[in-house]
PDB file of N, CA and C in Angstrom:
ATOM      1  N   MET A   1     112.275  79.675 107.704  1.00  0.00           N
ATOM      2  CA  MET A   1     111.039  80.428 107.664  1.00  0.00           C
ATOM      3  C   MET A   1     110.883  81.204 108.971  1.00  0.00           C
ATOM      4  N   GLY A   2     110.469  82.453 108.877  1.00  0.00           N
ATOM      5  CA  GLY A   2     110.279  83.290 110.051  1.00  0.00           C
ATOM      6  C   GLY A   2     108.945  83.016 110.715  1.00  0.00           C
ATOM      7  N   ARG A   3     108.741  83.722 111.797  1.00  0.00           N
ATOM      8  CA  ARG A   3     107.480  83.529 112.509  1.00  0.00           C
ATOM      9  C   ARG A   3     106.382  84.392 111.892  1.00  0.00           C
ATOM     10  N   ILE A   4     105.155  83.936 112.008  1.00  0.00           N
ATOM     11  CA  ILE A   4     104.006  84.663 111.486  1.00  0.00           C
ATOM     12  C   ILE A   4     103.730  85.847 112.402  1.00  0.00           C
ATOM     13  N   ARG A   5     103.533  87.000 111.793  1.00  0.00           N
ATOM     14  CA  ARG A   5     103.248  88.226 112.541  1.00  0.00           C
ATOM     15  C   ARG A   5     101.862  88.740 112.154  1.00  0.00           C
ATOM     16  N   LEU A   6     101.298  89.572 113.022  1.00  0.00           N
ATOM     17  CA  LEU A   6      99.987  90.160 112.767  1.00  0.00           C
ATOM     18  C   LEU A   6     100.103  91.670 112.687  1.00  0.00           C
ATOM     19  N   GLY A   7      99.238  92.278 111.867  1.00  0.00           N
ATOM     20  CA  GLY A   7      99.251  93.731 111.741  1.00  0.00           C
ATOM     21  C   GLY A   7      98.050  94.206 110.945  1.00  0.00           C
ATOM     22  N   LYS A   8      98.099  95.496 110.523  1.00  0.00           N
ATOM     23  CA  LYS A   8      97.034  96.103 109.726  1.00  0.00           C
ATOM     24  C   LYS A   8      97.652  96.911 108.601  1.00  0.00           C
ATOM     25  N   VAL A   9      96.974  96.913 107.463  1.00  0.00           N
ATOM     26  CA  VAL A   9      97.414  97.706 106.327  1.00  0.00           C
ATOM     27  C   VAL A   9      97.164  99.175 106.650  1.00  0.00           C
ATOM     28  N   THR A  10      98.204 100.017 106.512  1.00  0.00           N
ATOM     29  CA  THR A  10      98.077 101.449 106.810  1.00  0.00           C
ATOM     30  C   THR A  10      98.038 102.303 105.549  1.00  0.00           C
ATOM     31  N   ALA A  11      98.516 101.769 104.436  1.00  0.00           N
ATOM     32  CA  ALA A  11      98.495 102.503 103.167  1.00  0.00           C
ATOM     33  C   ALA A  11      98.591 101.503 102.026  1.00  0.00           C
ATOM     34  N   TYR A  12      97.931 101.843 100.906  1.00  0.00           N
ATOM     35  CA  TYR A  12      98.040 101.010  99.713  1.00  0.00           C
ATOM     36  C   TYR A  12      97.801 101.879  98.482  1.00  0.00           C
ATOM     37  N   GLU A  13      98.727 101.813  97.534  1.00  0.00           N
ATOM     38  CA  GLU A  13      98.638 102.556  96.284  1.00  0.00           C
ATOM     39  C   GLU A  13      98.411 101.554  95.153  1.00  0.00           C
ATOM     40  N   PRO A  14      97.161 101.364  94.715  1.00  0.00           N
ATOM     41  CA  PRO A  14      96.881 100.358  93.695  1.00  0.00           C
ATOM     42  C   PRO A  14      97.586 100.629  92.365  1.00  0.00           C
ATOM     43  N   GLU A  15      97.804 101.900  92.042  1.00  0.00           N
ATOM     44  CA  GLU A  15      98.471 102.235  90.783  1.00  0.00           C
ATOM     45  C   GLU A  15      99.900 101.692  90.748  1.00  0.00           C
ATOM     46  N   ARG A  16     100.570 101.724  91.863  1.00  0.00           N
ATOM     47  CA  ARG A  16     101.960 101.264  91.958  1.00  0.00           C
ATOM     48  C   ARG A  16     102.056  99.846  92.516  1.00  0.00           C
ATOM     49  N   GLY A  17     100.977  99.367  93.152  1.00  0.00           N
ATOM     50  CA  GLY A  17     100.996  98.039  93.749  1.00  0.00           C
ATOM     51  C   GLY A  17     101.833  97.978  95.016  1.00  0.00           C
ATOM     52  N   LEU A  18     101.987  99.119  95.674  1.00  0.00           N
ATOM     53  CA  LEU A  18     102.812  99.191  96.891  1.00  0.00           C
ATOM     54  C   LEU A  18     101.956  99.516  98.102  1.00  0.00           C
ATOM     55  N   GLY A  19     102.292  98.888  99.218  1.00  0.00           N
ATOM     56  CA  GLY A  19     101.567  99.143 100.443  1.00  0.00           C
ATOM     57  C   GLY A  19     102.484  99.156 101.650  1.00  0.00           C
ATOM     58  N   ARG A  20     101.909  99.570 102.772  1.00  0.00           N
ATOM     59  CA  ARG A  20     102.618  99.567 104.045  1.00  0.00           C
ATOM     60  C   ARG A  20     101.689  98.967 105.076  1.00  0.00           C
ATOM     61  N   LEU A  21     102.282  98.322 106.056  1.00  0.00           N
ATOM     62  CA  LEU A  21     101.486  97.797 107.154  1.00  0.00           C
ATOM     63  C   LEU A  21     102.201  98.065 108.473  1.00  0.00           C
ATOM     64  N   LEU A  22     101.429  98.076 109.520  1.00  0.00           N
ATOM     65  CA  LEU A  22     101.953  98.290 110.863  1.00  0.00           C
ATOM     66  C   LEU A  22     101.713  97.024 111.661  1.00  0.00           C
ATOM     67  N   GLY A  23     102.804  96.421 112.117  1.00  0.00           N
ATOM     68  CA  GLY A  23     102.711  95.195 112.893  1.00  0.00           C
ATOM     69  C   GLY A  23     102.300  95.478 114.326  1.00  0.00           C
ATOM     70  N   GLU A  24     101.795  94.451 114.996  1.00  0.00           N
ATOM     71  CA  GLU A  24     101.417  94.590 116.404  1.00  0.00           C
ATOM     72  C   GLU A  24     102.605  94.999 117.268  1.00  0.00           C
ATOM     73  N   ASP A  25     103.821  94.700 116.799  1.00  0.00           N
ATOM     74  CA  ASP A  25     105.026  95.059 117.541  1.00  0.00           C
ATOM     75  C   ASP A  25     105.460  96.502 117.289  1.00  0.00           C
ATOM     76  N   GLY A  26     104.696  97.248 116.457  1.00  0.00           N
ATOM     77  CA  GLY A  26     104.995  98.642 116.169  1.00  0.00           C
ATOM     78  C   GLY A  26     105.911  98.845 114.979  1.00  0.00           C
ATOM     79  N   GLU A  27     106.356  97.749 114.367  1.00  0.00           N
ATOM     80  CA  GLU A  27     107.236  97.857 113.205  1.00  0.00           C
ATOM     81  C   GLU A  27     106.413  98.107 111.944  1.00  0.00           C
ATOM     82  N   GLU A  28     106.851  99.085 111.137  1.00  0.00           N
ATOM     83  CA  GLU A  28     106.181  99.393 109.882  1.00  0.00           C
ATOM     84  C   GLU A  28     106.984  98.781 108.734  1.00  0.00           C
ATOM     85  N   LEU A  29     106.294  98.019 107.882  1.00  0.00           N
ATOM     86  CA  LEU A  29     106.941  97.344 106.767  1.00  0.00           C
ATOM     87  C   LEU A  29     106.228  97.675 105.469  1.00  0.00           C
ATOM     88  N   SER A  30     106.970  97.627 104.374  1.00  0.00           N
ATOM     89  CA  SER A  30     106.362  97.791 103.062  1.00  0.00           C
ATOM     90  C   SER A  30     106.094  96.414 102.462  1.00  0.00           C
ATOM     91  N   PHE A  31     105.230  96.383 101.453  1.00  0.00           N
ATOM     92  CA  PHE A  31     104.978  95.144 100.718  1.00  0.00           C
ATOM     93  C   PHE A  31     104.552  95.491  99.298  1.00  0.00           C
ATOM     94  N   HIS A  32     104.733  94.551  98.390  1.00  0.00           N
ATOM     95  CA  HIS A  32     104.310  94.697  97.005  1.00  0.00           C
ATOM     96  C   HIS A  32     103.055  93.855  96.805  1.00  0.00           C
ATOM     97  N   CYS A  33     102.221  94.247  95.867  1.00  0.00           N
ATOM     98  CA  CYS A  33     100.958  93.534  95.648  1.00  0.00           C
ATOM     99  C   CYS A  33     101.163  92.051  95.344  1.00  0.00           C
ATOM    100  N   THR A  34     102.309  91.680  94.818  1.00  0.00           N
ATOM    101  CA  THR A  34     102.561  90.260  94.539  1.00  0.00           C
ATOM    102  C   THR A  34     102.764  89.450  95.814  1.00  0.00           C
ATOM    103  N   ALA A  35     102.918  90.131  96.963  1.00  0.00           N
ATOM    104  CA  ALA A  35     103.071  89.435  98.247  1.00  0.00           C
ATOM    105  C   ALA A  35     101.724  89.057  98.858  1.00  0.00           C
ATOM    106  N   ILE A  36     100.613  89.550  98.273  1.00  0.00           N
ATOM    107  CA  ILE A  36      99.284  89.227  98.784  1.00  0.00           C
ATOM    108  C   ILE A  36      98.961  87.797  98.364  1.00  0.00           C
ATOM    109  N   SER A  37      98.800  86.925  99.323  1.00  0.00           N
ATOM    110  CA  SER A  37      98.720  85.477  99.082  1.00  0.00           C
ATOM    111  C   SER A  37      97.530  85.013  98.261  1.00  0.00           C
ATOM    112  N   ASP A  38      96.403  85.720  98.310  1.00  0.00           N
ATOM    113  CA  ASP A  38      95.229  85.230  97.580  1.00  0.00           C
ATOM    114  C   ASP A  38      95.272  85.574  96.092  1.00  0.00           C
ATOM    115  N   GLY A  39      96.328  86.279  95.659  1.00  0.00           N
ATOM    116  CA  GLY A  39      96.484  86.599  94.248  1.00  0.00           C
ATOM    117  C   GLY A  39      95.651  87.769  93.760  1.00  0.00           C
ATOM    118  N   SER A  40      94.894  88.413  94.642  1.00  0.00           N
ATOM    119  CA  SER A  40      94.000  89.497  94.235  1.00  0.00           C
ATOM    120  C   SER A  40      94.749  90.777  93.857  1.00  0.00           C
ATOM    121  N   ARG A  41      95.915  90.974  94.433  1.00  0.00           N
ATOM    122  CA  ARG A  41      96.735  92.178  94.217  1.00  0.00           C
ATOM    123  C   ARG A  41      96.042  93.456  94.674  1.00  0.00           C
ATOM    124  N   GLN A  42      95.029  93.316  95.527  1.00  0.00           N
ATOM    125  CA  GLN A  42      94.313  94.457  96.086  1.00  0.00           C
ATOM    126  C   GLN A  42      94.082  94.217  97.577  1.00  0.00           C
ATOM    127  N   VAL A  43      94.160  95.295  98.345  1.00  0.00           N
ATOM    128  CA  VAL A  43      93.859  95.218  99.777  1.00  0.00           C
ATOM    129  C   VAL A  43      93.424  96.608 100.232  1.00  0.00           C
ATOM    130  N   GLU A  44      92.454  96.643 101.110  1.00  0.00           N
ATOM    131  CA  GLU A  44      91.940  97.903 101.628  1.00  0.00           C
ATOM    132  C   GLU A  44      92.733  98.346 102.853  1.00  0.00           C
ATOM    133  N   VAL A  45      92.898  99.659 103.002  1.00  0.00           N
ATOM    134  CA  VAL A  45      93.526 100.210 104.199  1.00  0.00           C
ATOM    135  C   VAL A  45      92.674  99.821 105.404  1.00  0.00           C
ATOM    136  N   GLY A  46      93.323  99.398 106.477  1.00  0.00           N
ATOM    137  CA  GLY A  46      92.631  98.976 107.695  1.00  0.00           C
ATOM    138  C   GLY A  46      92.419  97.472 107.784  1.00  0.00           C
ATOM    139  N   THR A  47      92.709  96.752 106.703  1.00  0.00           N
ATOM    140  CA  THR A  47      92.530  95.300 106.696  1.00  0.00           C
ATOM    141  C   THR A  47      93.533  94.633 107.638  1.00  0.00           C
ATOM    142  N   PRO A  48      93.064  93.796 108.567  1.00  0.00           N
ATOM    143  CA  PRO A  48      93.995  93.041 109.405  1.00  0.00           C
ATOM    144  C   PRO A  48      94.659  91.950 108.557  1.00  0.00           C
ATOM    145  N   VAL A  49      95.941  91.740 108.779  1.00  0.00           N
ATOM    146  CA  VAL A  49      96.699  90.769 107.988  1.00  0.00           C
ATOM    147  C   VAL A  49      97.651  89.970 108.864  1.00  0.00           C
ATOM    148  N   ALA A  50      98.025  88.803 108.344  1.00  0.00           N
ATOM    149  CA  ALA A  50      99.128  88.010 108.890  1.00  0.00           C
ATOM    150  C   ALA A  50     100.207  88.035 107.813  1.00  0.00           C
ATOM    151  N   TYR A  51     101.477  88.006 108.203  1.00  0.00           N
ATOM    152  CA  TYR A  51     102.557  88.122 107.229  1.00  0.00           C
ATOM    153  C   TYR A  51     103.860  87.596 107.804  1.00  0.00           C
ATOM    154  N   LEU A  52     104.835  87.454 106.933  1.00  0.00           N
ATOM    155  CA  LEU A  52     106.204  87.142 107.343  1.00  0.00           C
ATOM    156  C   LEU A  52     107.047  88.374 107.059  1.00  0.00           C
ATOM    157  N   ALA A  53     108.084  88.595 107.837  1.00  0.00           N
ATOM    158  CA  ALA A  53     109.016  89.701 107.604  1.00  0.00           C
ATOM    159  C   ALA A  53     110.303  89.118 107.028  1.00  0.00           C
ATOM    160  N   ASP A  54     110.645  89.554 105.816  1.00  0.00           N
ATOM    161  CA  ASP A  54     111.836  89.057 105.132  1.00  0.00           C
ATOM    162  C   ASP A  54     112.860  90.168 104.951  1.00  0.00           C
ATOM    163  N   PRO A  55     114.144  89.852 105.007  1.00  0.00           N
ATOM    164  CA  PRO A  55     115.175  90.861 104.760  1.00  0.00           C
ATOM    165  C   PRO A  55     115.021  91.449 103.360  1.00  0.00           C
ATOM    166  N   ALA A  56     115.207  92.755 103.266  1.00  0.00           N
ATOM    167  CA  ALA A  56     115.148  93.460 101.987  1.00  0.00           C
ATOM    168  C   ALA A  56     116.449  94.238 101.811  1.00  0.00           C
ATOM    169  N   GLN A  57     116.441  95.190 100.922  1.00  0.00           N
ATOM    170  CA  GLN A  57     117.642  95.983 100.657  1.00  0.00           C
ATOM    171  C   GLN A  57     117.967  96.923 101.810  1.00  0.00           C
ATOM    172  N   ARG A  58     119.228  97.261 101.915  1.00  0.00           N
ATOM    173  CA  ARG A  58     119.730  98.250 102.879  1.00  0.00           C
ATOM    174  C   ARG A  58     119.407  97.919 104.332  1.00  0.00           C
ATOM    175  N   GLY A  59     119.380  96.643 104.668  1.00  0.00           N
ATOM    176  CA  GLY A  59     119.171  96.232 106.047  1.00  0.00           C
ATOM    177  C   GLY A  59     117.758  96.354 106.550  1.00  0.00           C
ATOM    178  N   ARG A  60     116.844  96.681 105.682  1.00  0.00           N
ATOM    179  CA  ARG A  60     115.435  96.803 106.062  1.00  0.00           C
ATOM    180  C   ARG A  60     114.726  95.462 105.883  1.00  0.00           C
ATOM    181  N   TYR A  61     113.496  95.426 106.317  1.00  0.00           N
ATOM    182  CA  TYR A  61     112.659  94.243 106.131  1.00  0.00           C
ATOM    183  C   TYR A  61     111.424  94.639 105.333  1.00  0.00           C
ATOM    184  N   GLU A  62     110.839  93.659 104.645  1.00  0.00           N
ATOM    185  CA  GLU A  62     109.585  93.867 103.938  1.00  0.00           C
ATOM    186  C   GLU A  62     108.662  92.703 104.247  1.00  0.00           C
ATOM    187  N   ALA A  63     107.369  92.927 104.102  1.00  0.00           N
ATOM    188  CA  ALA A  63     106.389  91.884 104.382  1.00  0.00           C
ATOM    189  C   ALA A  63     106.233  90.969 103.176  1.00  0.00           C
ATOM    190  N   SER A  64     106.119  89.678 103.439  1.00  0.00           N
ATOM    191  CA  SER A  64     105.840  88.693 102.392  1.00  0.00           C
ATOM    192  C   SER A  64     104.727  87.786 102.884  1.00  0.00           C
ATOM    193  N   GLU A  65     104.171  87.010 101.974  1.00  0.00           N
ATOM    194  CA  GLU A  65     103.104  86.060 102.318  1.00  0.00           C
ATOM    195  C   GLU A  65     101.994  86.774 103.110  1.00  0.00           C
ATOM    196  N   VAL A  66     101.539  87.922 102.604  1.00  0.00           N
ATOM    197  CA  VAL A  66     100.523  88.719 103.276  1.00  0.00           C
ATOM    198  C   VAL A  66      99.157  88.045 103.096  1.00  0.00           C
ATOM    199  N   VAL A  67      98.521  87.695 104.213  1.00  0.00           N
ATOM    200  CA  VAL A  67      97.229  87.011 104.202  1.00  0.00           C
ATOM    201  C   VAL A  67      96.203  87.911 104.870  1.00  0.00           C
ATOM    202  N   LYS A  68      95.117  88.210 104.142  1.00  0.00           N
ATOM    203  CA  LYS A  68      94.040  89.015 104.701  1.00  0.00           C
ATOM    204  C   LYS A  68      93.276  88.194 105.734  1.00  0.00           C
ATOM    205  N   LEU A  69      92.992  88.793 106.883  1.00  0.00           N
ATOM    206  CA  LEU A  69      92.236  88.113 107.941  1.00  0.00           C
ATOM    207  C   LEU A  69      90.819  88.671 107.988  1.00  0.00           C
ATOM    208  N   ALA A  70      89.856  87.849 108.359  1.00  0.00           N
ATOM    209  CA  ALA A  70      88.464  88.270 108.431  1.00  0.00           C
ATOM    210  C   ALA A  70      88.211  89.187 109.593  1.00  0.00           C
TER     211      ALA A  70
END
């Protein structure tokens, strides 16, 4: 298991269920709505989140276990 990272949602397309977030380390990652831990499949742009970064296709990383923070 990787380390927990913090960031903010920078884009979210509810029609496609795809989003992007920017980590505190400056890394931008994509995520799918199924990665949102509370099962809501919705998140607002600007929402602070905690997440894990997992290897994805083509040597990139994607966010998983995305948790909305208050």
